[in-house]
Amino acid sequence: MSVSNLRRAALVSTLALSFAAPFGSAWAAPKTYLGVDISYANEMEDCGAVYRAGGRTVEPYAFFKQSGANLARIRIWNNPDWTPYSNLKDVKRSIAKAKKAGMQVLLDFHYSDDWADGDKQIAPKAWAKLSTPDQAKALYAFTRDTLAELDREGLAPDMVQVGNETNGEIVSSLEKAKEPINWERNALLFNAGIKAVRDASAASTTKPRIMLHIAQPENVEPWFAAAAKAGVTDFDLIGISYYSKWSKRSMAELGQTINRLRHTYSADVVVVETAYPFTNDGADGSPNLLGEDSLIAGYPATPAGQKKYLTDLTQLVFANGGVGVVYWEPAWLSTQCKTRWGVGSNWENAALFDFKGQALESVDWLKTPYVMPVDVMFQVTAHGEATRFIDGDFLGGVGPRPMTLEGGAWVYRTRLMPGASVTAATATEVSAVADAKAKSAVVGKRASVIPLD
């Protein structure tokens, strides 16, 4: 049913609804995540980076926790023989710091010896010549063994990413990641990783939530539709990378994508990577990855512009039903250490500390009092029908969604912003929703029930 048809069909009366909702745990607010990926922190410490805030030296994990972050995202490579970082030993060091600071941990498996991202998913050297079934077995064993070892040492993560920016076919080659995905193979590998997390969870008191992660919002819906068709369905969170430099979508379009995803899948949606420059200058000769080509109108490359971007983006995510935002590498400062790209950092102009290591005002985005959506339940009295479907402008165009029979009523639960005007209609068949009488309402300030009888 189109939004225009719904509005034309809507009843004249508009109700402001904010009834107290005696529905117990069904109305519990979802977990929300405001986090930082500081996988570089150990390397920065070893390279002599110093972080300061309020006139004193601070430890990054403790500082971000005190600033309002509740999640630390940490990457892991299989056998990165080119660096002593982001291997299991280094990951243990990072998780220990995060847990000491009181943060939850998201462990990000790249399933590579090097960077895996939207452009490449290069198989670990030890897996490169294996058959696909044997690669799936190796991926399962690596995932489960890693989680089991962390659990034994009291370092089990709270969330696990099965792959990083997996736009292309995973555990493959540079060329293959740019070709159409062989979903029979891809699904076998993903489901091996997912099963490994679930099996490790069964043997632990920690039950990690599983995230699948795609780079840039324009790629997310096609990927998850193909994944579902191939049988990849057991996940708890959808992770999205959003960088304006590499995305064709505006911030508003990102919000629309999040809204459609959360109505299509039984999963929470997180912008699990984003960043913005506070300056276009550099502190070293290593080129900045984010420059003029990363800027969005209204958000200058200043500390205030960086803060405004993060605050507006986070409010946008929450308003559209997403549950969190994670900043990618706020602690990658310029030091005298060498990288494969030069001396220093490629990200120092997009960190959340200035070139002297002083915390920027943009860190305050973590403690901003965001306006959160409230629980809304659309309700229709049941009359013995076997099914019922709902459509409305709040669904963002995903089409009619099935309602759930609870007692003597059909219901559809969601979360919407206070004050939002919504129009919805229901019918017993998908094809009949477009011609059904619709009703409009204004969402109240508290949990609301919207009757559609």
Protein backbone atom coordinates (compact mmCIF):
# COMPACT_ATOMS: atom_id res chain seq x y z
CA MET A 1 0.00 0.00 0.00
CA SER A 2 1.43 3.36 -0.92
CA VAL A 3 1.74 6.13 1.62
CA SER A 4 -0.42 8.40 -0.52
CA ASN A 5 -3.19 5.78 -0.69
CA LEU A 6 -3.04 5.37 3.06
CA ARG A 7 -3.44 9.07 3.68
CA ARG A 8 -6.32 9.38 1.21
CA ALA A 9 -8.04 6.46 2.91
CA ALA A 10 -7.41 7.68 6.44
CA LEU A 11 -10.26 8.50 8.78
CA VAL A 12 -10.82 12.17 9.37
CA SER A 13 -10.20 11.98 13.09
CA THR A 14 -6.64 12.00 14.42
CA LEU A 15 -5.98 10.66 17.90
CA ALA A 16 -3.13 11.61 20.23
CA LEU A 17 -2.39 8.35 21.99
CA SER A 18 -0.23 7.85 25.08
CA PHE A 19 -1.99 5.18 27.08
CA ALA A 20 -0.05 3.43 29.82
CA ALA A 21 0.91 0.03 28.45
CA PRO A 22 0.52 -2.90 30.87
CA PHE A 23 2.35 -5.33 28.63
CA GLY A 24 5.40 -6.12 30.78
CA SER A 25 8.61 -7.22 29.12
CA ALA A 26 7.17 -6.86 25.63
CA TRP A 27 7.61 -3.11 26.13
CA ALA A 28 11.15 -3.20 27.46
CA ALA A 29 13.39 -0.72 25.64
CA PRO A 30 16.04 -2.35 23.42
CA LYS A 31 19.70 -2.23 24.36
CA THR A 32 21.44 0.82 22.96
CA TYR A 33 25.10 1.11 22.10
CA LEU A 34 27.34 4.15 21.91
CA GLY A 35 30.83 2.92 21.27
CA VAL A 36 34.31 3.32 19.90
CA ASP A 37 36.53 1.08 17.83
CA ILE A 38 39.92 1.62 19.42
CA SER A 39 41.73 -1.39 18.05
CA TYR A 40 44.78 0.85 17.51
CA ALA A 41 45.00 1.81 21.20
CA ASN A 42 47.64 -0.76 22.15
CA GLU A 43 49.84 0.18 19.22
CA MET A 44 49.44 3.86 20.05
CA GLU A 45 50.44 3.21 23.65
CA ASP A 46 53.54 1.34 22.52
CA CYS A 47 54.35 4.17 20.11
CA GLY A 48 54.26 6.75 22.89
CA ALA A 49 50.92 8.42 22.19
CA VAL A 50 49.62 10.42 25.16
CA TYR A 51 45.93 11.24 25.62
CA ARG A 52 44.78 14.18 27.74
CA ALA A 53 41.50 15.54 29.03
CA GLY A 54 40.76 18.12 31.70
CA GLY A 55 44.44 18.85 32.23
CA ARG A 56 45.43 15.27 32.98
CA THR A 57 46.65 12.19 31.17
CA VAL A 58 43.95 9.59 30.52
CA GLU A 59 43.82 5.92 29.55
CA PRO A 60 41.66 5.60 26.38
CA TYR A 61 39.28 2.84 27.47
CA ALA A 62 38.61 4.38 30.87
CA PHE A 63 38.29 7.84 29.32
CA PHE A 64 35.69 6.78 26.76
CA LYS A 65 33.72 4.86 29.38
CA GLN A 66 33.67 7.93 31.64
CA SER A 67 32.65 10.02 28.62
CA GLY A 68 29.57 7.87 28.01
CA ALA A 69 30.67 4.97 25.78
CA ASN A 70 29.37 1.54 26.73
CA LEU A 71 30.90 -0.53 23.91
CA ALA A 72 34.45 -1.18 22.69
CA ARG A 73 34.80 -2.71 19.24
CA ILE A 74 37.99 -4.71 18.70
CA ARG A 75 39.17 -6.36 15.48
CA ILE A 76 40.93 -9.70 15.18
CA TRP A 77 42.96 -11.04 12.25
CA ASN A 78 43.92 -14.68 11.84
CA ASN A 79 47.70 -14.58 11.46
CA PRO A 80 48.89 -11.04 10.78
CA ASP A 81 52.59 -11.78 10.38
CA TRP A 82 53.18 -8.19 9.21
CA THR A 83 52.24 -6.66 12.58
CA PRO A 84 52.22 -7.72 16.24
CA TYR A 85 48.77 -6.19 16.69
CA SER A 86 45.18 -7.40 16.23
CA ASN A 87 46.19 -11.03 16.77
CA LEU A 88 44.71 -13.06 19.63
CA LYS A 89 47.42 -12.01 22.11
CA ASP A 90 46.81 -8.33 21.36
CA VAL A 91 43.04 -8.80 21.43
CA LYS A 92 43.27 -10.25 24.95
CA ARG A 93 45.17 -7.14 26.03
CA SER A 94 42.44 -4.92 24.53
CA ILE A 95 39.48 -6.84 25.95
CA ALA A 96 41.04 -6.86 29.41
CA LYS A 97 41.29 -3.07 29.30
CA ALA A 98 37.72 -2.71 28.03
CA LYS A 99 36.31 -4.96 30.73
CA LYS A 100 38.34 -3.24 33.44
CA ALA A 101 36.79 0.04 32.28
CA GLY A 102 33.32 -1.50 32.47
CA MET A 103 32.62 -1.59 28.75
CA GLN A 104 30.89 -4.25 26.70
CA VAL A 105 32.99 -5.76 23.89
CA LEU A 106 32.21 -6.35 20.23
CA LEU A 107 34.79 -8.72 18.72
CA ASP A 108 35.16 -8.18 14.98
CA PHE A 109 36.40 -11.25 13.06
CA HIS A 110 37.91 -10.23 9.70
CA TYR A 111 38.68 -13.83 8.65
CA SER A 112 41.86 -12.61 6.99
CA ASP A 113 45.50 -12.03 7.90
CA ASP A 114 45.03 -8.40 6.91
CA TRP A 115 42.29 -5.83 6.40
CA ALA A 116 39.00 -7.22 5.13
CA ASP A 117 36.60 -4.56 3.92
CA GLY A 118 34.07 -3.64 1.25
CA ASP A 119 36.70 -3.93 -1.49
CA LYS A 120 38.50 -7.10 -0.44
CA GLN A 121 37.98 -10.28 1.55
CA ILE A 122 41.33 -12.05 1.18
CA ALA A 123 41.47 -15.54 2.68
CA PRO A 124 44.03 -16.24 5.40
CA LYS A 125 47.10 -17.84 3.86
CA ALA A 126 46.49 -21.04 5.83
CA TRP A 127 43.03 -21.37 4.26
CA ALA A 128 43.71 -20.12 0.75
CA LYS A 129 44.19 -23.50 -0.94
CA LEU A 130 41.54 -25.40 0.99
CA SER A 131 38.28 -26.55 -0.58
CA THR A 132 35.20 -24.56 0.38
CA PRO A 133 33.95 -27.27 2.79
CA ASP A 134 37.37 -27.35 4.46
CA GLN A 135 37.45 -23.55 4.61
CA ALA A 136 34.10 -23.65 6.39
CA LYS A 137 35.49 -26.17 8.88
CA ALA A 138 38.58 -23.99 9.43
CA LEU A 139 36.44 -20.87 9.89
CA TYR A 140 34.24 -22.69 12.41
CA ALA A 141 37.26 -23.98 14.36
CA PHE A 142 39.04 -20.60 14.41
CA THR A 143 35.91 -18.82 15.62
CA ARG A 144 34.94 -21.37 18.26
CA ASP A 145 38.49 -21.92 19.52
CA THR A 146 39.10 -18.18 19.81
CA LEU A 147 35.88 -17.62 21.75
CA ALA A 148 36.52 -20.64 23.97
CA GLU A 149 40.02 -19.42 24.85
CA LEU A 150 38.75 -15.94 25.63
CA ASP A 151 35.99 -17.39 27.77
CA ARG A 152 38.42 -19.50 29.78
CA GLU A 153 40.34 -16.33 30.63
CA GLY A 154 37.27 -14.31 31.55
CA LEU A 155 37.43 -12.28 28.35
CA ALA A 156 34.37 -13.48 26.44
CA PRO A 157 32.92 -10.74 24.21
CA ASP A 158 29.32 -9.57 24.49
CA MET A 159 28.87 -9.35 20.73
CA VAL A 160 30.60 -11.02 17.79
CA GLN A 161 30.88 -9.84 14.21
CA VAL A 162 30.99 -12.72 11.74
CA GLY A 163 33.02 -10.89 9.11
CA ASN A 164 33.89 -7.25 8.52
CA GLU A 165 32.28 -5.16 5.76
CA THR A 166 31.41 -8.37 3.94
CA ASN A 167 30.05 -6.75 0.77
CA GLY A 168 31.95 -9.26 -1.36
CA GLU A 169 32.35 -13.01 -1.07
CA ILE A 170 34.28 -13.78 2.10
CA VAL A 171 37.46 -15.86 2.48
CA SER A 172 38.31 -15.29 -1.17
CA SER A 173 40.66 -13.11 -3.21
CA LEU A 174 40.91 -9.50 -4.27
CA GLU A 175 39.30 -10.29 -7.62
CA LYS A 176 36.57 -12.55 -6.27
CA ALA A 177 35.35 -10.00 -3.73
CA LYS A 178 34.46 -7.71 -6.65
CA GLU A 179 32.56 -10.36 -8.60
CA PRO A 180 28.96 -11.53 -8.08
CA ILE A 181 28.68 -13.56 -4.90
CA ASN A 182 28.39 -17.33 -5.10
CA TRP A 183 25.78 -17.55 -2.37
CA GLU A 184 25.94 -21.32 -2.00
CA ARG A 185 29.58 -20.93 -0.98
CA ASN A 186 29.11 -17.68 0.93
CA ALA A 187 26.22 -19.05 2.98
CA LEU A 188 28.20 -22.16 3.92
CA LEU A 189 30.99 -19.99 5.30
CA PHE A 190 28.72 -17.53 7.12
CA ASN A 191 26.65 -20.27 8.69
CA ALA A 192 29.83 -21.99 9.86
CA GLY A 193 30.88 -18.82 11.66
CA ILE A 194 27.40 -18.26 13.09
CA LYS A 195 27.20 -21.85 14.34
CA ALA A 196 30.63 -21.50 15.95
CA VAL A 197 29.43 -18.48 17.95
CA ARG A 198 26.24 -20.25 19.01
CA ASP A 199 28.14 -23.41 19.98
CA ALA A 200 30.71 -21.44 21.97
CA SER A 201 27.85 -19.59 23.64
CA ALA A 202 26.21 -22.86 24.67
CA ALA A 203 29.32 -23.75 26.66
CA SER A 204 29.63 -20.33 28.30
CA THR A 205 27.72 -18.10 30.68
CA THR A 206 28.23 -15.28 28.16
CA LYS A 207 25.80 -15.35 25.24
CA PRO A 208 27.23 -13.07 22.54
CA ARG A 209 24.86 -11.39 20.11
CA ILE A 210 25.81 -11.95 16.47
CA MET A 211 26.27 -9.08 14.03
CA LEU A 212 26.60 -9.20 10.25
CA HIS A 213 28.21 -6.09 8.77
CA ILE A 214 27.99 -4.37 5.38
CA ALA A 215 29.72 -1.18 4.21
CA GLN A 216 27.58 1.76 3.06
CA PRO A 217 23.78 1.83 3.31
CA GLU A 218 23.11 1.43 -0.42
CA ASN A 219 24.59 -2.08 -0.24
CA VAL A 220 22.84 -3.33 2.88
CA GLU A 221 19.32 -4.21 1.76
CA PRO A 222 20.32 -6.12 -1.42
CA TRP A 223 22.95 -8.06 0.54
CA PHE A 224 20.63 -9.12 3.36
CA ALA A 225 17.86 -10.04 0.92
CA ALA A 226 20.30 -12.32 -0.93
CA ALA A 227 21.65 -13.71 2.34
CA ALA A 228 18.15 -14.56 3.58
CA LYS A 229 17.34 -16.29 0.29
CA ALA A 230 20.53 -18.35 0.67
CA GLY A 231 19.65 -19.37 4.23
CA VAL A 232 21.73 -16.94 6.31
CA THR A 233 19.13 -15.92 8.88
CA ASP A 234 20.50 -16.50 12.39
CA PHE A 235 21.80 -13.09 13.46
CA ASP A 236 20.86 -10.52 16.10
CA LEU A 237 22.25 -7.28 14.72
CA ILE A 238 22.80 -5.60 11.37
CA GLY A 239 25.93 -3.46 11.27
CA ILE A 240 26.37 -0.65 8.74
CA SER A 241 29.44 1.40 7.89
CA TYR A 242 28.59 4.96 6.91
CA TYR A 243 31.25 7.26 5.50
CA SER A 244 30.06 10.04 3.21
CA LYS A 245 33.27 9.72 1.16
CA TRP A 246 32.38 6.21 0.08
CA SER A 247 28.58 6.30 0.16
CA LYS A 248 26.10 7.54 -2.42
CA ARG A 249 23.42 7.99 0.24
CA SER A 250 22.69 11.09 2.30
CA MET A 251 22.29 10.98 6.06
CA ALA A 252 18.52 11.13 5.61
CA GLU A 253 18.66 8.17 3.23
CA LEU A 254 20.74 6.28 5.78
CA GLY A 255 17.92 6.83 8.27
CA GLN A 256 15.35 5.55 5.78
CA THR A 257 17.45 2.43 5.19
CA ILE A 258 17.67 1.76 8.93
CA ASN A 259 13.90 2.10 9.27
CA ARG A 260 13.20 -0.38 6.47
CA LEU A 261 15.73 -2.87 7.82
CA ARG A 262 14.31 -2.94 11.31
CA HIS A 263 10.83 -3.62 9.94
CA THR A 264 12.09 -6.33 7.59
CA TYR A 265 14.35 -8.36 9.90
CA SER A 266 14.15 -9.44 13.53
CA ALA A 267 17.44 -7.71 14.22
CA ASP A 268 18.65 -4.48 15.77
CA VAL A 269 20.47 -2.04 13.48
CA VAL A 270 23.72 -0.27 14.43
CA VAL A 271 25.91 2.16 12.52
CA VAL A 272 28.96 0.24 13.59
CA GLU A 273 31.48 2.42 11.76
CA THR A 274 31.49 6.12 11.05
CA ALA A 275 33.92 9.04 11.39
CA TYR A 276 34.28 12.71 10.47
CA PRO A 277 37.28 15.05 10.25
CA PHE A 278 37.75 17.92 12.70
CA THR A 279 40.30 19.52 10.37
CA ASN A 280 41.64 19.10 6.86
CA ASP A 281 45.20 19.68 8.09
CA GLY A 282 47.60 16.89 8.93
CA ALA A 283 50.14 16.32 11.68
CA ASP A 284 52.52 14.27 9.53
CA GLY A 285 53.41 13.37 5.96
CA SER A 286 51.08 10.38 5.85
CA PRO A 287 48.03 11.32 3.72
CA ASN A 288 44.69 11.72 5.47
CA LEU A 289 42.05 9.22 4.34
CA LEU A 290 39.22 11.62 5.17
CA GLY A 291 39.57 15.06 3.60
CA GLU A 292 37.52 17.61 1.67
CA ASP A 293 35.88 14.74 -0.20
CA SER A 294 34.38 13.52 3.08
CA LEU A 295 32.56 16.69 4.08
CA ILE A 296 28.79 17.15 4.19
CA ALA A 297 27.13 20.54 3.77
CA GLY A 298 26.44 22.06 7.18
CA TYR A 299 29.23 20.11 8.86
CA PRO A 300 32.56 21.91 8.51
CA ALA A 301 35.87 20.22 9.27
CA THR A 302 36.13 21.75 12.73
CA PRO A 303 35.77 20.28 16.22
CA ALA A 304 32.28 21.80 16.42
CA GLY A 305 31.42 20.42 12.97
CA GLN A 306 32.63 16.97 13.96
CA LYS A 307 30.52 17.09 17.13
CA LYS A 308 27.44 18.26 15.22
CA TYR A 309 27.85 15.44 12.69
CA LEU A 310 28.07 12.80 15.40
CA THR A 311 25.21 14.23 17.42
CA ASP A 312 22.90 14.61 14.42
CA LEU A 313 23.81 11.19 13.04
CA THR A 314 23.16 9.49 16.36
CA GLN A 315 19.79 11.21 16.78
CA LEU A 316 18.93 10.17 13.21
CA VAL A 317 19.82 6.55 13.97
CA PHE A 318 17.70 6.44 17.13
CA ALA A 319 14.78 8.27 15.49
CA ASN A 320 14.66 5.65 12.74
CA GLY A 321 14.70 2.70 15.10
CA GLY A 322 18.43 1.98 15.13
CA VAL A 323 20.05 1.14 18.44
CA GLY A 324 23.55 2.56 18.28
CA VAL A 325 26.56 4.25 16.74
CA VAL A 326 30.24 3.26 16.95
CA TYR A 327 33.03 5.69 16.04
CA TRP A 328 35.87 4.19 14.07
CA GLU A 329 39.29 4.89 15.49
CA PRO A 330 39.05 7.96 17.68
CA ALA A 331 42.48 7.15 19.16
CA TRP A 332 44.64 6.68 16.01
CA LEU A 333 47.00 9.61 16.61
CA SER A 334 50.16 10.62 14.80
CA THR A 335 53.33 9.20 16.36
CA GLN A 336 56.84 8.46 15.16
CA CYS A 337 55.92 4.86 14.45
CA LYS A 338 55.88 3.64 10.87
CA THR A 339 52.93 2.06 9.11
CA ARG A 340 52.93 0.47 5.66
CA TRP A 341 51.71 3.85 4.40
CA GLY A 342 54.31 6.05 6.05
CA VAL A 343 55.28 7.54 9.41
CA GLY A 344 52.42 8.68 11.60
CA SER A 345 48.69 8.23 11.05
CA ASN A 346 46.24 8.42 8.16
CA TRP A 347 43.43 9.30 10.56
CA GLU A 348 44.78 11.89 12.99
CA ASN A 349 42.49 14.58 11.51
CA ALA A 350 39.45 12.34 12.21
CA ALA A 351 40.42 11.24 15.74
CA LEU A 352 38.54 12.54 18.78
CA PHE A 353 41.78 14.05 20.11
CA ASP A 354 43.68 16.95 18.57
CA PHE A 355 47.25 16.77 17.29
CA LYS A 356 48.54 17.28 20.84
CA GLY A 357 46.43 14.44 22.22
CA GLN A 358 43.89 16.72 23.88
CA ALA A 359 40.31 15.42 23.86
CA LEU A 360 38.02 17.37 21.54
CA GLU A 361 34.54 18.68 22.30
CA SER A 362 33.14 16.09 19.90
CA VAL A 363 33.56 13.44 22.61
CA ASP A 364 30.47 14.99 24.19
CA TRP A 365 28.28 13.30 21.57
CA LEU A 366 28.41 10.26 23.83
CA LYS A 367 26.55 12.06 26.63
CA THR A 368 24.08 14.02 24.56
CA PRO A 369 20.47 13.61 25.83
CA TYR A 370 18.95 12.07 22.71
CA VAL A 371 15.20 11.93 22.12
CA MET A 372 14.32 8.25 21.98
CA PRO A 373 11.39 6.52 20.27
CA VAL A 374 8.62 5.03 22.39
CA ASP A 375 6.88 1.67 22.13
CA VAL A 376 3.82 1.63 19.93
CA MET A 377 1.41 -1.27 19.46
CA PHE A 378 -1.06 -1.26 16.58
CA GLN A 379 -4.04 -3.39 17.55
CA VAL A 380 -7.06 -4.90 15.78
CA THR A 381 -9.74 -7.12 17.33
CA ALA A 382 -9.56 -10.67 15.98
CA HIS A 383 -12.65 -12.22 14.41
CA GLY A 384 -11.42 -15.76 13.78
CA GLU A 385 -9.28 -14.92 10.73
CA ALA A 386 -6.11 -16.96 10.17
CA THR A 387 -3.86 -14.05 9.23
CA ARG A 388 -3.76 -10.28 9.26
CA PHE A 389 -1.32 -7.79 7.71
CA ILE A 390 -0.54 -4.15 8.37
CA ASP A 391 0.88 -1.40 6.17
CA GLY A 392 1.58 2.21 6.95
CA ASP A 393 3.77 5.19 6.26
CA PHE A 394 5.87 4.34 9.34
CA LEU A 395 7.11 1.18 7.56
CA GLY A 396 9.06 3.19 5.00
CA GLY A 397 7.78 1.32 1.98
CA VAL A 398 8.69 -2.26 2.90
CA GLY A 399 5.12 -3.35 2.20
CA PRO A 400 2.55 -5.15 4.36
CA ARG A 401 3.95 -6.89 7.41
CA PRO A 402 2.34 -9.84 9.25
CA MET A 403 0.66 -9.11 12.56
CA THR A 404 0.78 -11.41 15.61
CA LEU A 405 -2.27 -12.90 17.30
CA GLU A 406 -2.20 -12.25 21.04
CA GLY A 407 -5.28 -13.25 22.98
CA GLY A 408 -8.23 -11.81 21.13
CA ALA A 409 -6.32 -9.20 19.12
CA TRP A 410 -3.92 -8.90 16.22
CA VAL A 411 -0.93 -6.70 17.11
CA TYR A 412 2.12 -5.17 15.50
CA ARG A 413 4.77 -3.74 17.81
CA THR A 414 7.32 -1.12 16.86
CA ARG A 415 9.02 2.00 18.24
CA LEU A 416 8.21 5.46 16.91
CA MET A 417 9.18 8.99 17.80
CA PRO A 418 6.93 10.95 20.18
CA GLY A 419 4.74 13.35 18.22
CA ALA A 420 5.06 11.43 14.96
CA SER A 421 1.95 11.32 12.77
CA VAL A 422 1.25 7.82 11.49
CA THR A 423 -1.31 6.33 9.14
CA ALA A 424 -1.96 2.59 8.95
CA ALA A 425 -4.44 0.03 7.65
CA THR A 426 -4.86 -3.72 8.00
CA ALA A 427 -6.47 -6.58 6.09
CA THR A 428 -6.59 -10.35 6.25
CA GLU A 429 -4.77 -10.71 2.92
CA VAL A 430 -1.67 -8.86 1.67
CA SER A 431 -3.40 -7.92 -1.56
CA ALA A 432 -6.33 -6.35 0.30
CA VAL A 433 -4.38 -3.92 2.50
CA ALA A 434 -4.15 -1.25 -0.20
CA ASP A 435 -7.93 -0.92 -0.33
CA ALA A 436 -8.55 -1.13 3.40
CA LYS A 437 -9.77 1.84 5.43
CA ALA A 438 -6.83 3.51 7.12
CA LYS A 439 -6.56 5.40 10.36
CA SER A 440 -4.26 8.23 11.42
CA ALA A 441 -2.87 8.95 14.87
CA VAL A 442 -0.21 10.99 16.64
CA VAL A 443 2.22 9.05 18.80
CA GLY A 444 2.21 10.13 22.44
CA LYS A 445 5.09 10.71 24.80
CA ARG A 446 4.81 7.29 26.42
CA ALA A 447 4.17 3.73 25.28
CA SER A 448 1.07 3.84 23.09
CA VAL A 449 -1.66 1.55 21.83
CA ILE A 450 -3.17 2.53 18.48
CA PRO A 451 -6.48 0.73 17.77
CA LEU A 452 -7.15 0.21 14.08
CA ASP A 453 -10.67 -1.25 14.36
